[in-house]
Amino acid sequence: MPYSLHPAAGDLRLIIGSTTLNGFDEAATQELLLKRGMPLQADPTQINAPMVVLLLFCLIFLATMVYGPLGAFLVEQFPAKVRYSGVSVSLQFGNGWIGGFAPFIATALAVSSGDIFHGLLYTIGVALLSTAVAVIFIRDKHHVEMGTKDAAGVTLDTQALPR
């Protein structure tokens, strides 16, 4: 339901249609929303369960298409000595900080603007920034040897080194 914010001094006023509610009265707000056609709960008979399952499957499939090759990609971006730390820090930063704050920031943007689609600005901004960083800093590592070299310059298999 679209809404707009009008900062003003004084008591809270909620305007729904042509009706103005002063202060916060949950029962009056629910009654007014019901009159305008907004139900208090979803009608379970109106939910298309097979389509919900299909849509969730599609979203999970898209996520696996991203996370599947991500591990191999990140391994190629770091030298052997710092590979474990590099992959760990980059995943924690991306998933934990950027993804973890996404719901909070998207909600704050939507609430402050009154438009639910303003919440998408955060994800679009992160995607554009990520694309710019990738274009500028990520290089093709196709012909770069990923192992370490010994004193004679012979490439060693990093998996076979003693621990």
C-alpha atoms as a PDB file:
ATOM      1  CA  MET A   1       0.000   0.000   0.000  1.00  0.00           C
ATOM      2  CA  PRO A   2       1.642   3.272  -1.064  1.00  0.00           C
ATOM      3  CA  TYR A   3       2.022   5.987   1.538  1.00  0.00           C
ATOM      4  CA  SER A   4       3.794   9.263   2.045  1.00  0.00           C
ATOM      5  CA  LEU A   5       5.600  10.817   4.992  1.00  0.00           C
ATOM      6  CA  HIS A   6       4.995  14.398   6.029  1.00  0.00           C
ATOM      7  CA  PRO A   7       7.302  15.379   8.896  1.00  0.00           C
ATOM      8  CA  ALA A   8       5.500  17.731  11.240  1.00  0.00           C
ATOM      9  CA  ALA A   9       5.608  18.767  14.855  1.00  0.00           C
ATOM     10  CA  GLY A  10       2.893  17.501  17.129  1.00  0.00           C
ATOM     11  CA  ASP A  11       0.905  14.310  17.437  1.00  0.00           C
ATOM     12  CA  LEU A  12       0.980  11.413  15.012  1.00  0.00           C
ATOM     13  CA  ARG A  13      -1.571  11.677  12.220  1.00  0.00           C
ATOM     14  CA  LEU A  14      -2.380   8.762   9.941  1.00  0.00           C
ATOM     15  CA  ILE A  15      -4.299   9.612   6.766  1.00  0.00           C
ATOM     16  CA  ILE A  16      -5.852   6.663   4.938  1.00  0.00           C
ATOM     17  CA  GLY A  17      -7.899   7.755   1.953  1.00  0.00           C
ATOM     18  CA  SER A  18      -9.957  10.691   3.169  1.00  0.00           C
ATOM     19  CA  THR A  19      -9.984   9.605   6.833  1.00  0.00           C
ATOM     20  CA  THR A  20      -7.534  11.060   9.347  1.00  0.00           C
ATOM     21  CA  LEU A  21      -6.624   9.205  12.546  1.00  0.00           C
ATOM     22  CA  ASN A  22      -4.953  11.217  15.320  1.00  0.00           C
ATOM     23  CA  GLY A  23      -2.508   9.354  17.558  1.00  0.00           C
ATOM     24  CA  PHE A  24      -2.089   5.591  17.363  1.00  0.00           C
ATOM     25  CA  ASP A  25      -5.188   3.445  17.737  1.00  0.00           C
ATOM     26  CA  GLU A  26      -4.547  -0.086  16.475  1.00  0.00           C
ATOM     27  CA  ALA A  27      -8.208  -1.138  16.444  1.00  0.00           C
ATOM     28  CA  ALA A  28      -9.281   1.975  14.482  1.00  0.00           C
ATOM     29  CA  THR A  29      -6.408   1.521  12.038  1.00  0.00           C
ATOM     30  CA  GLN A  30      -7.301  -2.141  11.417  1.00  0.00           C
ATOM     31  CA  GLU A  31     -10.980  -1.290  10.984  1.00  0.00           C
ATOM     32  CA  LEU A  32     -10.178   1.442   8.474  1.00  0.00           C
ATOM     33  CA  LEU A  33      -7.809  -0.811   6.524  1.00  0.00           C
ATOM     34  CA  LEU A  34     -10.463  -3.560   6.447  1.00  0.00           C
ATOM     35  CA  LYS A  35     -12.995  -1.063   5.049  1.00  0.00           C
ATOM     36  CA  ARG A  36     -10.506  -0.169   2.304  1.00  0.00           C
ATOM     37  CA  GLY A  37     -10.100  -3.846   1.368  1.00  0.00           C
ATOM     38  CA  MET A  38      -6.866  -4.821   3.077  1.00  0.00           C
ATOM     39  CA  PRO A  39      -7.278  -8.141   4.925  1.00  0.00           C
ATOM     40  CA  LEU A  40      -5.697  -8.749   8.320  1.00  0.00           C
ATOM     41  CA  GLN A  41      -4.338 -12.148   7.248  1.00  0.00           C
ATOM     42  CA  ALA A  42      -3.631 -13.918   4.002  1.00  0.00           C
ATOM     43  CA  ASP A  43      -6.352 -16.258   2.787  1.00  0.00           C
ATOM     44  CA  PRO A  44      -4.756 -19.742   2.659  1.00  0.00           C
ATOM     45  CA  THR A  45      -7.159 -20.788  -0.116  1.00  0.00           C
ATOM     46  CA  GLN A  46      -5.766 -18.039  -2.356  1.00  0.00           C
ATOM     47  CA  ILE A  47      -2.161 -19.272  -2.085  1.00  0.00           C
ATOM     48  CA  ASN A  48      -0.985 -21.274  -5.082  1.00  0.00           C
ATOM     49  CA  ALA A  49       1.288 -23.701  -3.203  1.00  0.00           C
ATOM     50  CA  PRO A  50       2.768 -25.479  -6.264  1.00  0.00           C
ATOM     51  CA  MET A  51       3.704 -22.134  -7.813  1.00  0.00           C
ATOM     52  CA  VAL A  52       5.285 -20.952  -4.546  1.00  0.00           C
ATOM     53  CA  VAL A  53       7.384 -24.145  -4.438  1.00  0.00           C
ATOM     54  CA  LEU A  54       8.358 -23.688  -8.099  1.00  0.00           C
ATOM     55  CA  LEU A  55       9.379 -20.064  -7.531  1.00  0.00           C
ATOM     56  CA  LEU A  56      11.432 -21.014  -4.468  1.00  0.00           C
ATOM     57  CA  PHE A  57      13.101 -23.769  -6.481  1.00  0.00           C
ATOM     58  CA  CYS A  58      13.965 -21.266  -9.223  1.00  0.00           C
ATOM     59  CA  LEU A  59      15.460 -18.834  -6.702  1.00  0.00           C
ATOM     60  CA  ILE A  60      17.505 -21.580  -5.058  1.00  0.00           C
ATOM     61  CA  PHE A  61      18.671 -22.749  -8.485  1.00  0.00           C
ATOM     62  CA  LEU A  62      19.840 -19.212  -9.323  1.00  0.00           C
ATOM     63  CA  ALA A  63      21.694 -19.016  -6.001  1.00  0.00           C
ATOM     64  CA  THR A  64      23.493 -22.302  -6.687  1.00  0.00           C
ATOM     65  CA  MET A  65      24.478 -21.014 -10.128  1.00  0.00           C
ATOM     66  CA  VAL A  66      26.268 -18.154  -8.351  1.00  0.00           C
ATOM     67  CA  TYR A  67      27.757 -19.969  -5.363  1.00  0.00           C
ATOM     68  CA  GLY A  68      28.880 -23.058  -7.283  1.00  0.00           C
ATOM     69  CA  PRO A  69      31.613 -21.404  -9.342  1.00  0.00           C
ATOM     70  CA  LEU A  70      32.289 -18.734  -6.711  1.00  0.00           C
ATOM     71  CA  GLY A  71      34.550 -21.047  -4.709  1.00  0.00           C
ATOM     72  CA  ALA A  72      36.730 -21.866  -7.689  1.00  0.00           C
ATOM     73  CA  PHE A  73      36.821 -18.216  -8.738  1.00  0.00           C
ATOM     74  CA  LEU A  74      37.901 -16.963  -5.307  1.00  0.00           C
ATOM     75  CA  VAL A  75      40.632 -19.613  -5.035  1.00  0.00           C
ATOM     76  CA  GLU A  76      42.163 -18.288  -8.249  1.00  0.00           C
ATOM     77  CA  GLN A  77      42.256 -14.721  -6.932  1.00  0.00           C
ATOM     78  CA  PHE A  78      44.646 -15.302  -4.025  1.00  0.00           C
ATOM     79  CA  PRO A  79      48.207 -16.650  -3.876  1.00  0.00           C
ATOM     80  CA  ALA A  80      48.697 -19.967  -2.092  1.00  0.00           C
ATOM     81  CA  LYS A  81      50.142 -18.470   1.117  1.00  0.00           C
ATOM     82  CA  VAL A  82      47.083 -16.318   1.835  1.00  0.00           C
ATOM     83  CA  ARG A  83      44.421 -18.241  -0.072  1.00  0.00           C
ATOM     84  CA  TYR A  84      42.492 -19.563   2.922  1.00  0.00           C
ATOM     85  CA  SER A  85      42.425 -16.159   4.635  1.00  0.00           C
ATOM     86  CA  GLY A  86      41.646 -14.283   1.428  1.00  0.00           C
ATOM     87  CA  VAL A  87      38.707 -16.477   0.511  1.00  0.00           C
ATOM     88  CA  SER A  88      37.416 -16.449   4.081  1.00  0.00           C
ATOM     89  CA  VAL A  89      37.608 -12.679   4.519  1.00  0.00           C
ATOM     90  CA  SER A  90      36.040 -11.954   1.137  1.00  0.00           C
ATOM     91  CA  LEU A  91      33.143 -14.360   1.745  1.00  0.00           C
ATOM     92  CA  GLN A  92      32.549 -13.052   5.268  1.00  0.00           C
ATOM     93  CA  PHE A  93      32.637  -9.452   4.101  1.00  0.00           C
ATOM     94  CA  GLY A  94      30.337 -10.047   1.151  1.00  0.00           C
ATOM     95  CA  ASN A  95      27.823 -12.353   2.786  1.00  0.00           C
ATOM     96  CA  GLY A  96      27.992 -11.115   6.356  1.00  0.00           C
ATOM     97  CA  TRP A  97      28.318  -7.372   6.104  1.00  0.00           C
ATOM     98  CA  ILE A  98      26.932  -6.432   2.707  1.00  0.00           C
ATOM     99  CA  GLY A  99      24.266  -9.144   2.596  1.00  0.00           C
ATOM    100  CA  GLY A 100      23.569  -9.091   6.320  1.00  0.00           C
ATOM    101  CA  PHE A 101      22.700  -5.410   6.396  1.00  0.00           C
ATOM    102  CA  ALA A 102      20.694  -5.561   3.151  1.00  0.00           C
ATOM    103  CA  PRO A 103      17.263  -6.120   4.776  1.00  0.00           C
ATOM    104  CA  PHE A 104      17.834  -3.325   7.306  1.00  0.00           C
ATOM    105  CA  ILE A 105      19.084  -0.808   4.738  1.00  0.00           C
ATOM    106  CA  ALA A 106      16.412  -1.723   2.170  1.00  0.00           C
ATOM    107  CA  THR A 107      13.686  -1.351   4.808  1.00  0.00           C
ATOM    108  CA  ALA A 108      15.097   1.986   5.980  1.00  0.00           C
ATOM    109  CA  LEU A 109      15.157   3.289   2.387  1.00  0.00           C
ATOM    110  CA  ALA A 110      11.594   2.117   1.735  1.00  0.00           C
ATOM    111  CA  VAL A 111      10.225   3.572   4.979  1.00  0.00           C
ATOM    112  CA  SER A 112      12.016   6.911   4.627  1.00  0.00           C
ATOM    113  CA  SER A 113      10.805   7.420   1.053  1.00  0.00           C
ATOM    114  CA  GLY A 114       7.312   5.932   1.245  1.00  0.00           C
ATOM    115  CA  ASP A 115       7.982   3.794  -1.835  1.00  0.00           C
ATOM    116  CA  ILE A 116       8.644   0.078  -1.418  1.00  0.00           C
ATOM    117  CA  PHE A 117      10.811   0.028  -4.531  1.00  0.00           C
ATOM    118  CA  HIS A 118      13.353   2.461  -3.036  1.00  0.00           C
ATOM    119  CA  GLY A 119      14.652  -0.515  -1.057  1.00  0.00           C
ATOM    120  CA  LEU A 120      16.044  -1.844  -4.324  1.00  0.00           C
ATOM    121  CA  LEU A 121      18.438   1.093  -4.561  1.00  0.00           C
ATOM    122  CA  TYR A 122      20.812  -0.577  -2.090  1.00  0.00           C
ATOM    123  CA  THR A 123      21.032  -3.830  -4.033  1.00  0.00           C
ATOM    124  CA  ILE A 124      21.359  -1.996  -7.347  1.00  0.00           C
ATOM    125  CA  GLY A 125      24.095   0.218  -5.885  1.00  0.00           C
ATOM    126  CA  VAL A 126      26.008  -2.764  -4.487  1.00  0.00           C
ATOM    127  CA  ALA A 127      25.712  -4.572  -7.826  1.00  0.00           C
ATOM    128  CA  LEU A 128      26.999  -1.537  -9.755  1.00  0.00           C
ATOM    129  CA  LEU A 129      29.861  -0.983  -7.312  1.00  0.00           C
ATOM    130  CA  SER A 130      30.790  -4.680  -7.478  1.00  0.00           C
ATOM    131  CA  THR A 131      30.787  -4.554 -11.272  1.00  0.00           C
ATOM    132  CA  ALA A 132      33.025  -1.475 -11.296  1.00  0.00           C
ATOM    133  CA  VAL A 133      35.484  -3.048  -8.834  1.00  0.00           C
ATOM    134  CA  ALA A 134      35.528  -6.285 -10.860  1.00  0.00           C
ATOM    135  CA  VAL A 135      36.191  -4.478 -14.139  1.00  0.00           C
ATOM    136  CA  ILE A 136      38.996  -2.411 -12.632  1.00  0.00           C
ATOM    137  CA  PHE A 137      40.779  -4.906 -10.367  1.00  0.00           C
ATOM    138  CA  ILE A 138      40.061  -8.509 -11.393  1.00  0.00           C
ATOM    139  CA  ARG A 139      42.434  -9.927 -13.980  1.00  0.00           C
ATOM    140  CA  ASP A 140      42.270 -13.167 -15.929  1.00  0.00           C
ATOM    141  CA  LYS A 141      44.299 -15.846 -14.140  1.00  0.00           C
ATOM    142  CA  HIS A 142      43.952 -18.474 -16.862  1.00  0.00           C
ATOM    143  CA  HIS A 143      47.684 -18.836 -17.572  1.00  0.00           C
ATOM    144  CA  VAL A 144      48.965 -18.077 -14.054  1.00  0.00           C
ATOM    145  CA  GLU A 145      50.441 -20.978 -12.066  1.00  0.00           C
ATOM    146  CA  MET A 146      48.593 -21.370  -8.766  1.00  0.00           C
ATOM    147  CA  GLY A 147      51.151 -23.491  -6.910  1.00  0.00           C
ATOM    148  CA  THR A 148      54.189 -22.287  -5.012  1.00  0.00           C
ATOM    149  CA  LYS A 149      57.764 -22.547  -6.263  1.00  0.00           C
ATOM    150  CA  ASP A 150      60.745 -23.940  -4.362  1.00  0.00           C
ATOM    151  CA  ALA A 151      64.245 -22.410  -4.341  1.00  0.00           C
ATOM    152  CA  ALA A 152      65.049 -23.955  -7.731  1.00  0.00           C
ATOM    153  CA  GLY A 153      61.878 -22.485  -9.287  1.00  0.00           C
ATOM    154  CA  VAL A 154      60.090 -25.841  -9.501  1.00  0.00           C
ATOM    155  CA  THR A 155      56.343 -25.625  -8.981  1.00  0.00           C
ATOM    156  CA  LEU A 156      55.161 -27.586  -5.975  1.00  0.00           C
ATOM    157  CA  ASP A 157      51.720 -29.048  -5.502  1.00  0.00           C
ATOM    158  CA  THR A 158      50.416 -27.073  -2.516  1.00  0.00           C
ATOM    159  CA  GLN A 159      48.080 -29.923  -1.553  1.00  0.00           C
ATOM    160  CA  ALA A 160      51.002 -32.367  -1.186  1.00  0.00           C
ATOM    161  CA  LEU A 161      53.115 -30.193   1.125  1.00  0.00           C
ATOM    162  CA  PRO A 162      53.687 -31.617   4.630  1.00  0.00           C
ATOM    163  CA  ARG A 163      51.839 -29.885   7.424  1.00  0.00           C
END
